[in-house]
Amino acid sequence: MKKRLEGFYRKVEEARISAFLKAISTFKNWQVEILNSIIFPYSNGFLEGINNKSKVMKRNAYGFRRFDHFKAKVLLNM
C-alpha cells in the first residue's frame, strides 16, 4: 500500500496541479496515520458519536437547576 501511495504522489507531482500538490503535502505529513487506518480495522467512531450526543443534550439542558435531572436525561437518552 505504501508503494501505491508513493506512486500516487509521483503522478500528482508530475501533473503539477496546485490544489493536489497541497493535498499531497498533507498526505505526506499524515502518511503513518493514513496507512495505519488502512491496515488496522479499529475506529473510535462509536465513542465520538456518544460524545457528540452527550454534548448536544448538555446544550439542550441549559437552565436545568438540578444536576440529578440532567443526569437522568442523559441516562434516558443513551
PDB file of N, CA and C in Angstrom:
ATOM      1  N   MET A   1       0.833  -1.189   0.000  1.00  0.00           N
ATOM      2  CA  MET A   1       0.000   0.000   0.000  1.00  0.00           C
ATOM      3  C   MET A   1       0.875   1.249   0.000  1.00  0.00           C
ATOM      4  N   LYS A   2       1.978   1.184   0.745  1.00  0.00           N
ATOM      5  CA  LYS A   2       2.874   2.335   0.810  1.00  0.00           C
ATOM      6  C   LYS A   2       3.457   2.650  -0.573  1.00  0.00           C
ATOM      7  N   LYS A   3       3.808   1.615  -1.335  1.00  0.00           N
ATOM      8  CA  LYS A   3       4.357   1.826  -2.672  1.00  0.00           C
ATOM      9  C   LYS A   3       3.314   2.449  -3.603  1.00  0.00           C
ATOM     10  N   ARG A   4       2.068   1.999  -3.477  1.00  0.00           N
ATOM     11  CA  ARG A   4       0.994   2.565  -4.298  1.00  0.00           C
ATOM     12  C   ARG A   4       0.758   4.027  -3.949  1.00  0.00           C
ATOM     13  N   LEU A   5       0.833   4.343  -2.667  1.00  0.00           N
ATOM     14  CA  LEU A   5       0.648   5.721  -2.227  1.00  0.00           C
ATOM     15  C   LEU A   5       1.773   6.605  -2.751  1.00  0.00           C
ATOM     16  N   GLU A   6       3.001   6.102  -2.692  1.00  0.00           N
ATOM     17  CA  GLU A   6       4.131   6.872  -3.215  1.00  0.00           C
ATOM     18  C   GLU A   6       4.031   7.049  -4.728  1.00  0.00           C
ATOM     19  N   GLY A   7       3.526   6.038  -5.431  1.00  0.00           N
ATOM     20  CA  GLY A   7       3.286   6.172  -6.867  1.00  0.00           C
ATOM     21  C   GLY A   7       2.261   7.256  -7.161  1.00  0.00           C
ATOM     22  N   PHE A   8       1.230   7.320  -6.328  1.00  0.00           N
ATOM     23  CA  PHE A   8       0.224   8.368  -6.471  1.00  0.00           C
ATOM     24  C   PHE A   8       0.855   9.742  -6.263  1.00  0.00           C
ATOM     25  N   TYR A   9       1.753   9.863  -5.265  1.00  0.00           N
ATOM     26  CA  TYR A   9       2.459  11.124  -5.029  1.00  0.00           C
ATOM     27  C   TYR A   9       3.218  11.551  -6.285  1.00  0.00           C
ATOM     28  N   ARG A  10       3.939  10.612  -6.900  1.00  0.00           N
ATOM     29  CA  ARG A  10       4.726  10.931  -8.092  1.00  0.00           C
ATOM     30  C   ARG A  10       3.831  11.409  -9.239  1.00  0.00           C
ATOM     31  N   LYS A  11       2.712  10.722  -9.459  1.00  0.00           N
ATOM     32  CA  LYS A  11       1.810  11.115 -10.544  1.00  0.00           C
ATOM     33  C   LYS A  11       1.251  12.518 -10.330  1.00  0.00           C
ATOM     34  N   VAL A  12       0.908  12.829  -9.097  1.00  0.00           N
ATOM     35  CA  VAL A  12       0.368  14.156  -8.793  1.00  0.00           C
ATOM     36  C   VAL A  12       1.445  15.215  -8.974  1.00  0.00           C
ATOM     37  N   GLU A  13       2.668  14.916  -8.530  1.00  0.00           N
ATOM     38  CA  GLU A  13       3.749  15.889  -8.689  1.00  0.00           C
ATOM     39  C   GLU A  13       4.073  16.122 -10.163  1.00  0.00           C
ATOM     40  N   GLU A  14       3.944  15.104 -10.993  1.00  0.00           N
ATOM     41  CA  GLU A  14       4.172  15.267 -12.430  1.00  0.00           C
ATOM     42  C   GLU A  14       3.072  16.111 -13.071  1.00  0.00           C
ATOM     43  N   ALA A  15       1.845  15.996 -12.589  1.00  0.00           N
ATOM     44  CA  ALA A  15       0.727  16.760 -13.151  1.00  0.00           C
ATOM     45  C   ALA A  15       0.800  18.234 -12.763  1.00  0.00           C
ATOM     46  N   ARG A  16       1.439  18.546 -11.653  1.00  0.00           N
ATOM     47  CA  ARG A  16       1.637  19.928 -11.180  1.00  0.00           C
ATOM     48  C   ARG A  16       0.337  20.713 -11.007  1.00  0.00           C
ATOM     49  N   ILE A  17      -0.668  20.099 -10.441  1.00  0.00           N
ATOM     50  CA  ILE A  17      -1.922  20.797 -10.124  1.00  0.00           C
ATOM     51  C   ILE A  17      -1.785  21.309  -8.693  1.00  0.00           C
ATOM     52  N   SER A  18      -1.879  22.619  -8.531  1.00  0.00           N
ATOM     53  CA  SER A  18      -1.548  23.239  -7.241  1.00  0.00           C
ATOM     54  C   SER A  18      -2.400  22.708  -6.084  1.00  0.00           C
ATOM     55  N   ALA A  19      -3.678  22.536  -6.311  1.00  0.00           N
ATOM     56  CA  ALA A  19      -4.548  22.037  -5.232  1.00  0.00           C
ATOM     57  C   ALA A  19      -4.137  20.630  -4.811  1.00  0.00           C
ATOM     58  N   PHE A  20      -3.793  19.800  -5.781  1.00  0.00           N
ATOM     59  CA  PHE A  20      -3.360  18.435  -5.461  1.00  0.00           C
ATOM     60  C   PHE A  20      -2.000  18.437  -4.784  1.00  0.00           C
ATOM     61  N   LEU A  21      -1.122  19.349  -5.158  1.00  0.00           N
ATOM     62  CA  LEU A  21       0.203  19.420  -4.520  1.00  0.00           C
ATOM     63  C   LEU A  21       0.064  19.717  -3.030  1.00  0.00           C
ATOM     64  N   LYS A  22      -0.861  20.598  -2.688  1.00  0.00           N
ATOM     65  CA  LYS A  22      -1.094  20.896  -1.272  1.00  0.00           C
ATOM     66  C   LYS A  22      -1.669  19.667  -0.558  1.00  0.00           C
ATOM     67  N   ALA A  23      -2.573  18.954  -1.216  1.00  0.00           N
ATOM     68  CA  ALA A  23      -3.158  17.749  -0.621  1.00  0.00           C
ATOM     69  C   ALA A  23      -2.086  16.683  -0.409  1.00  0.00           C
ATOM     70  N   ILE A  24      -1.182  16.533  -1.372  1.00  0.00           N
ATOM     71  CA  ILE A  24      -0.106  15.552  -1.243  1.00  0.00           C
ATOM     72  C   ILE A  24       0.801  15.914  -0.085  1.00  0.00           C
ATOM     73  N   SER A  25       1.042  17.197   0.099  1.00  0.00           N
ATOM     74  CA  SER A  25       1.855  17.630   1.246  1.00  0.00           C
ATOM     75  C   SER A  25       1.200  17.199   2.558  1.00  0.00           C
ATOM     76  N   THR A  26      -0.107  17.360   2.648  1.00  0.00           N
ATOM     77  CA  THR A  26      -0.842  16.934   3.838  1.00  0.00           C
ATOM     78  C   THR A  26      -0.793  15.415   3.990  1.00  0.00           C
ATOM     79  N   PHE A  27      -0.966  14.686   2.885  1.00  0.00           N
ATOM     80  CA  PHE A  27      -0.892  13.224   2.932  1.00  0.00           C
ATOM     81  C   PHE A  27       0.471  12.767   3.432  1.00  0.00           C
ATOM     82  N   LYS A  28       1.533  13.413   2.972  1.00  0.00           N
ATOM     83  CA  LYS A  28       2.884  13.023   3.402  1.00  0.00           C
ATOM     84  C   LYS A  28       3.080  13.280   4.894  1.00  0.00           C
ATOM     85  N   ASN A  29       2.521  14.381   5.394  1.00  0.00           N
ATOM     86  CA  ASN A  29       2.635  14.683   6.829  1.00  0.00           C
ATOM     87  C   ASN A  29       1.892  13.661   7.682  1.00  0.00           C
ATOM     88  N   TRP A  30       0.805  13.095   7.161  1.00  0.00           N
ATOM     89  CA  TRP A  30      -0.037  12.165   7.908  1.00  0.00           C
ATOM     90  C   TRP A  30       0.081  10.734   7.385  1.00  0.00           C
ATOM     91  N   GLN A  31       1.135  10.418   6.669  1.00  0.00           N
ATOM     92  CA  GLN A  31       1.254   9.129   5.997  1.00  0.00           C
ATOM     93  C   GLN A  31       1.175   7.949   6.958  1.00  0.00           C
ATOM     94  N   VAL A  32       1.839   8.020   8.093  1.00  0.00           N
ATOM     95  CA  VAL A  32       1.812   6.909   9.061  1.00  0.00           C
ATOM     96  C   VAL A  32       0.386   6.660   9.523  1.00  0.00           C
ATOM     97  N   GLU A  33      -0.327   7.717   9.856  1.00  0.00           N
ATOM     98  CA  GLU A  33      -1.695   7.576  10.336  1.00  0.00           C
ATOM     99  C   GLU A  33      -2.622   7.055   9.238  1.00  0.00           C
ATOM    100  N   ILE A  34      -2.425   7.528   8.017  1.00  0.00           N
ATOM    101  CA  ILE A  34      -3.252   7.071   6.897  1.00  0.00           C
ATOM    102  C   ILE A  34      -3.052   5.580   6.669  1.00  0.00           C
ATOM    103  N   LEU A  35      -1.791   5.143   6.650  1.00  0.00           N
ATOM    104  CA  LEU A  35      -1.506   3.724   6.435  1.00  0.00           C
ATOM    105  C   LEU A  35      -2.042   2.873   7.588  1.00  0.00           C
ATOM    106  N   ASN A  36      -1.929   3.366   8.816  1.00  0.00           N
ATOM    107  CA  ASN A  36      -2.470   2.626   9.955  1.00  0.00           C
ATOM    108  C   ASN A  36      -3.985   2.495   9.874  1.00  0.00           C
ATOM    109  N   SER A  37      -4.660   3.533   9.379  1.00  0.00           N
ATOM    110  CA  SER A  37      -6.121   3.450   9.273  1.00  0.00           C
ATOM    111  C   SER A  37      -6.543   2.423   8.228  1.00  0.00           C
ATOM    112  N   ILE A  38      -5.689   2.185   7.238  1.00  0.00           N
ATOM    113  CA  ILE A  38      -5.987   1.180   6.224  1.00  0.00           C
ATOM    114  C   ILE A  38      -5.683  -0.221   6.748  1.00  0.00           C
ATOM    115  N   ILE A  39      -4.599  -0.350   7.498  1.00  0.00           N
ATOM    116  CA  ILE A  39      -4.134  -1.658   7.971  1.00  0.00           C
ATOM    117  C   ILE A  39      -5.005  -2.201   9.107  1.00  0.00           C
ATOM    118  N   PHE A  40      -5.296  -1.350  10.086  1.00  0.00           N
ATOM    119  CA  PHE A  40      -5.999  -1.806  11.287  1.00  0.00           C
ATOM    120  C   PHE A  40      -7.494  -1.521  11.190  1.00  0.00           C
ATOM    121  N   PRO A  41      -8.342  -2.473  11.617  1.00  0.00           N
ATOM    122  CA  PRO A  41      -9.791  -2.312  11.473  1.00  0.00           C
ATOM    123  C   PRO A  41     -10.455  -1.571  12.639  1.00  0.00           C
ATOM    124  N   TYR A  42      -9.697  -0.780  13.386  1.00  0.00           N
ATOM    125  CA  TYR A  42     -10.250  -0.115  14.562  1.00  0.00           C
ATOM    126  C   TYR A  42     -10.731   1.286  14.221  1.00  0.00           C
ATOM    127  N   SER A  43     -11.768   1.727  14.922  1.00  0.00           N
ATOM    128  CA  SER A  43     -12.300   3.071  14.738  1.00  0.00           C
ATOM    129  C   SER A  43     -12.858   3.558  16.071  1.00  0.00           C
ATOM    130  N   ASN A  44     -12.756   4.854  16.309  1.00  0.00           N
ATOM    131  CA  ASN A  44     -13.339   5.419  17.522  1.00  0.00           C
ATOM    132  C   ASN A  44     -14.649   6.134  17.208  1.00  0.00           C
ATOM    133  N   GLY A  45     -15.242   5.825  16.066  1.00  0.00           N
ATOM    134  CA  GLY A  45     -16.478   6.468  15.637  1.00  0.00           C
ATOM    135  C   GLY A  45     -17.626   6.298  16.616  1.00  0.00           C
ATOM    136  N   PHE A  46     -17.748   5.108  17.205  1.00  0.00           N
ATOM    137  CA  PHE A  46     -18.836   4.863  18.157  1.00  0.00           C
ATOM    138  C   PHE A  46     -18.710   5.790  19.371  1.00  0.00           C
ATOM    139  N   LEU A  47     -17.497   5.897  19.927  1.00  0.00           N
ATOM    140  CA  LEU A  47     -17.296   6.776  21.086  1.00  0.00           C
ATOM    141  C   LEU A  47     -17.491   8.243  20.730  1.00  0.00           C
ATOM    142  N   GLU A  48     -17.042   8.644  19.535  1.00  0.00           N
ATOM    143  CA  GLU A  48     -17.254  10.022  19.101  1.00  0.00           C
ATOM    144  C   GLU A  48     -18.752  10.319  18.991  1.00  0.00           C
ATOM    145  N   GLY A  49     -19.529   9.344  18.553  1.00  0.00           N
ATOM    146  CA  GLY A  49     -20.976   9.520  18.483  1.00  0.00           C
ATOM    147  C   GLY A  49     -21.593   9.726  19.852  1.00  0.00           C
ATOM    148  N   ILE A  50     -21.144   8.943  20.833  1.00  0.00           N
ATOM    149  CA  ILE A  50     -21.643   9.102  22.207  1.00  0.00           C
ATOM    150  C   ILE A  50     -21.266  10.474  22.753  1.00  0.00           C
ATOM    151  N   ASN A  51     -20.016  10.894  22.529  1.00  0.00           N
ATOM    152  CA  ASN A  51     -19.576  12.214  22.996  1.00  0.00           C
ATOM    153  C   ASN A  51     -20.414  13.322  22.370  1.00  0.00           C
ATOM    154  N   ASN A  52     -20.663  13.221  21.071  1.00  0.00           N
ATOM    155  CA  ASN A  52     -21.455  14.236  20.390  1.00  0.00           C
ATOM    156  C   ASN A  52     -22.875  14.285  20.943  1.00  0.00           C
ATOM    157  N   LYS A  53     -23.471  13.115  21.142  1.00  0.00           N
ATOM    158  CA  LYS A  53     -24.841  13.054  21.661  1.00  0.00           C
ATOM    159  C   LYS A  53     -24.932  13.679  23.053  1.00  0.00           C
ATOM    160  N   SER A  54     -23.945  13.393  23.905  1.00  0.00           N
ATOM    161  CA  SER A  54     -23.967  13.954  25.265  1.00  0.00           C
ATOM    162  C   SER A  54     -23.765  15.465  25.234  1.00  0.00           C
ATOM    163  N   LYS A  55     -22.950  15.964  24.315  1.00  0.00           N
ATOM    164  CA  LYS A  55     -22.753  17.417  24.213  1.00  0.00           C
ATOM    165  C   LYS A  55     -24.018  18.115  23.726  1.00  0.00           C
ATOM    166  N   VAL A  56     -24.734  17.490  22.800  1.00  0.00           N
ATOM    167  CA  VAL A  56     -25.994  18.066  22.328  1.00  0.00           C
ATOM    168  C   VAL A  56     -26.998  18.112  23.468  1.00  0.00           C
ATOM    169  N   MET A  57     -27.081  17.034  24.249  1.00  0.00           N
ATOM    170  CA  MET A  57     -28.004  17.027  25.396  1.00  0.00           C
ATOM    171  C   MET A  57     -27.612  18.090  26.406  1.00  0.00           C
ATOM    172  N   LYS A  58     -26.303  18.287  26.591  1.00  0.00           N
ATOM    173  CA  LYS A  58     -25.836  19.300  27.534  1.00  0.00           C
ATOM    174  C   LYS A  58     -26.276  20.692  27.076  1.00  0.00           C
ATOM    175  N   ARG A  59     -26.154  20.959  25.767  1.00  0.00           N
ATOM    176  CA  ARG A  59     -26.604  22.258  25.249  1.00  0.00           C
ATOM    177  C   ARG A  59     -28.115  22.417  25.404  1.00  0.00           C
ATOM    178  N   ASN A  60     -28.862  21.362  25.144  1.00  0.00           N
ATOM    179  CA  ASN A  60     -30.322  21.428  25.257  1.00  0.00           C
ATOM    180  C   ASN A  60     -30.792  21.523  26.699  1.00  0.00           C
ATOM    181  N   ALA A  61     -29.974  21.079  27.632  1.00  0.00           N
ATOM    182  CA  ALA A  61     -30.364  21.078  29.036  1.00  0.00           C
ATOM    183  C   ALA A  61     -29.912  22.350  29.759  1.00  0.00           C
ATOM    184  N   TYR A  62     -29.441  23.325  29.005  1.00  0.00           N
ATOM    185  CA  TYR A  62     -29.017  24.576  29.636  1.00  0.00           C
ATOM    186  C   TYR A  62     -30.188  25.164  30.421  1.00  0.00           C
ATOM    187  N   GLY A  63     -29.961  25.470  31.674  1.00  0.00           N
ATOM    188  CA  GLY A  63     -31.013  26.026  32.507  1.00  0.00           C
ATOM    189  C   GLY A  63     -31.580  25.028  33.503  1.00  0.00           C
ATOM    190  N   PHE A  64     -31.216  23.738  33.373  1.00  0.00           N
ATOM    191  CA  PHE A  64     -31.643  22.787  34.398  1.00  0.00           C
ATOM    192  C   PHE A  64     -31.069  23.249  35.728  1.00  0.00           C
ATOM    193  N   ARG A  65     -31.880  23.242  36.742  1.00  0.00           N
ATOM    194  CA  ARG A  65     -31.415  23.751  38.033  1.00  0.00           C
ATOM    195  C   ARG A  65     -30.776  22.673  38.889  1.00  0.00           C
ATOM    196  N   ARG A  66     -31.064  21.435  38.573  1.00  0.00           N
ATOM    197  CA  ARG A  66     -30.521  20.359  39.391  1.00  0.00           C
ATOM    198  C   ARG A  66     -29.759  19.382  38.504  1.00  0.00           C
ATOM    199  N   PHE A  67     -28.562  19.009  38.964  1.00  0.00           N
ATOM    200  CA  PHE A  67     -27.718  18.096  38.196  1.00  0.00           C
ATOM    201  C   PHE A  67     -28.366  16.726  38.063  1.00  0.00           C
ATOM    202  N   ASP A  68     -29.084  16.274  39.088  1.00  0.00           N
ATOM    203  CA  ASP A  68     -29.683  14.939  39.003  1.00  0.00           C
ATOM    204  C   ASP A  68     -30.740  14.864  37.892  1.00  0.00           C
ATOM    205  N   HIS A  69     -31.409  15.985  37.568  1.00  0.00           N
ATOM    206  CA  HIS A  69     -32.348  15.991  36.445  1.00  0.00           C
ATOM    207  C   HIS A  69     -31.591  15.841  35.126  1.00  0.00           C
ATOM    208  N   PHE A  70     -30.472  16.564  35.010  1.00  0.00           N
ATOM    209  CA  PHE A  70     -29.654  16.446  33.805  1.00  0.00           C
ATOM    210  C   PHE A  70     -29.100  15.030  33.668  1.00  0.00           C
ATOM    211  N   LYS A  71     -28.641  14.449  34.756  1.00  0.00           N
ATOM    212  CA  LYS A  71     -28.095  13.104  34.740  1.00  0.00           C
ATOM    213  C   LYS A  71     -29.182  12.094  34.302  1.00  0.00           C
ATOM    214  N   ALA A  72     -30.388  12.280  34.784  1.00  0.00           N
ATOM    215  CA  ALA A  72     -31.493  11.392  34.391  1.00  0.00           C
ATOM    216  C   ALA A  72     -31.782  11.521  32.901  1.00  0.00           C
ATOM    217  N   LYS A  73     -31.736  12.741  32.388  1.00  0.00           N
ATOM    218  CA  LYS A  73     -31.972  12.947  30.956  1.00  0.00           C
ATOM    219  C   LYS A  73     -30.901  12.248  30.127  1.00  0.00           C
ATOM    220  N   VAL A  74     -29.645  12.359  30.535  1.00  0.00           N
ATOM    221  CA  VAL A  74     -28.548  11.708  29.824  1.00  0.00           C
ATOM    222  C   VAL A  74     -28.736  10.209  29.839  1.00  0.00           C
ATOM    223  N   LEU A  75     -29.031   9.653  30.998  1.00  0.00           N
ATOM    224  CA  LEU A  75     -29.179   8.190  31.105  1.00  0.00           C
ATOM    225  C   LEU A  75     -30.375   7.669  30.319  1.00  0.00           C
ATOM    226  N   LEU A  76     -31.439   8.460  30.245  1.00  0.00           N
ATOM    227  CA  LEU A  76     -32.612   8.036  29.478  1.00  0.00           C
ATOM    228  C   LEU A  76     -32.348   8.042  27.978  1.00  0.00           C
ATOM    229  N   ASN A  77     -31.520   8.968  27.529  1.00  0.00           N
ATOM    230  CA  ASN A  77     -31.258   9.100  26.096  1.00  0.00           C
ATOM    231  C   ASN A  77     -30.111   8.270  25.575  1.00  0.00           C
ATOM    232  N   MET A  78     -29.398   7.611  26.420  1.00  0.00           N
ATOM    233  CA  MET A  78     -28.252   6.819  25.956  1.00  0.00           C
ATOM    234  C   MET A  78     -28.660   5.431  25.660  1.00  0.00           C
TER     235      MET A  78
END
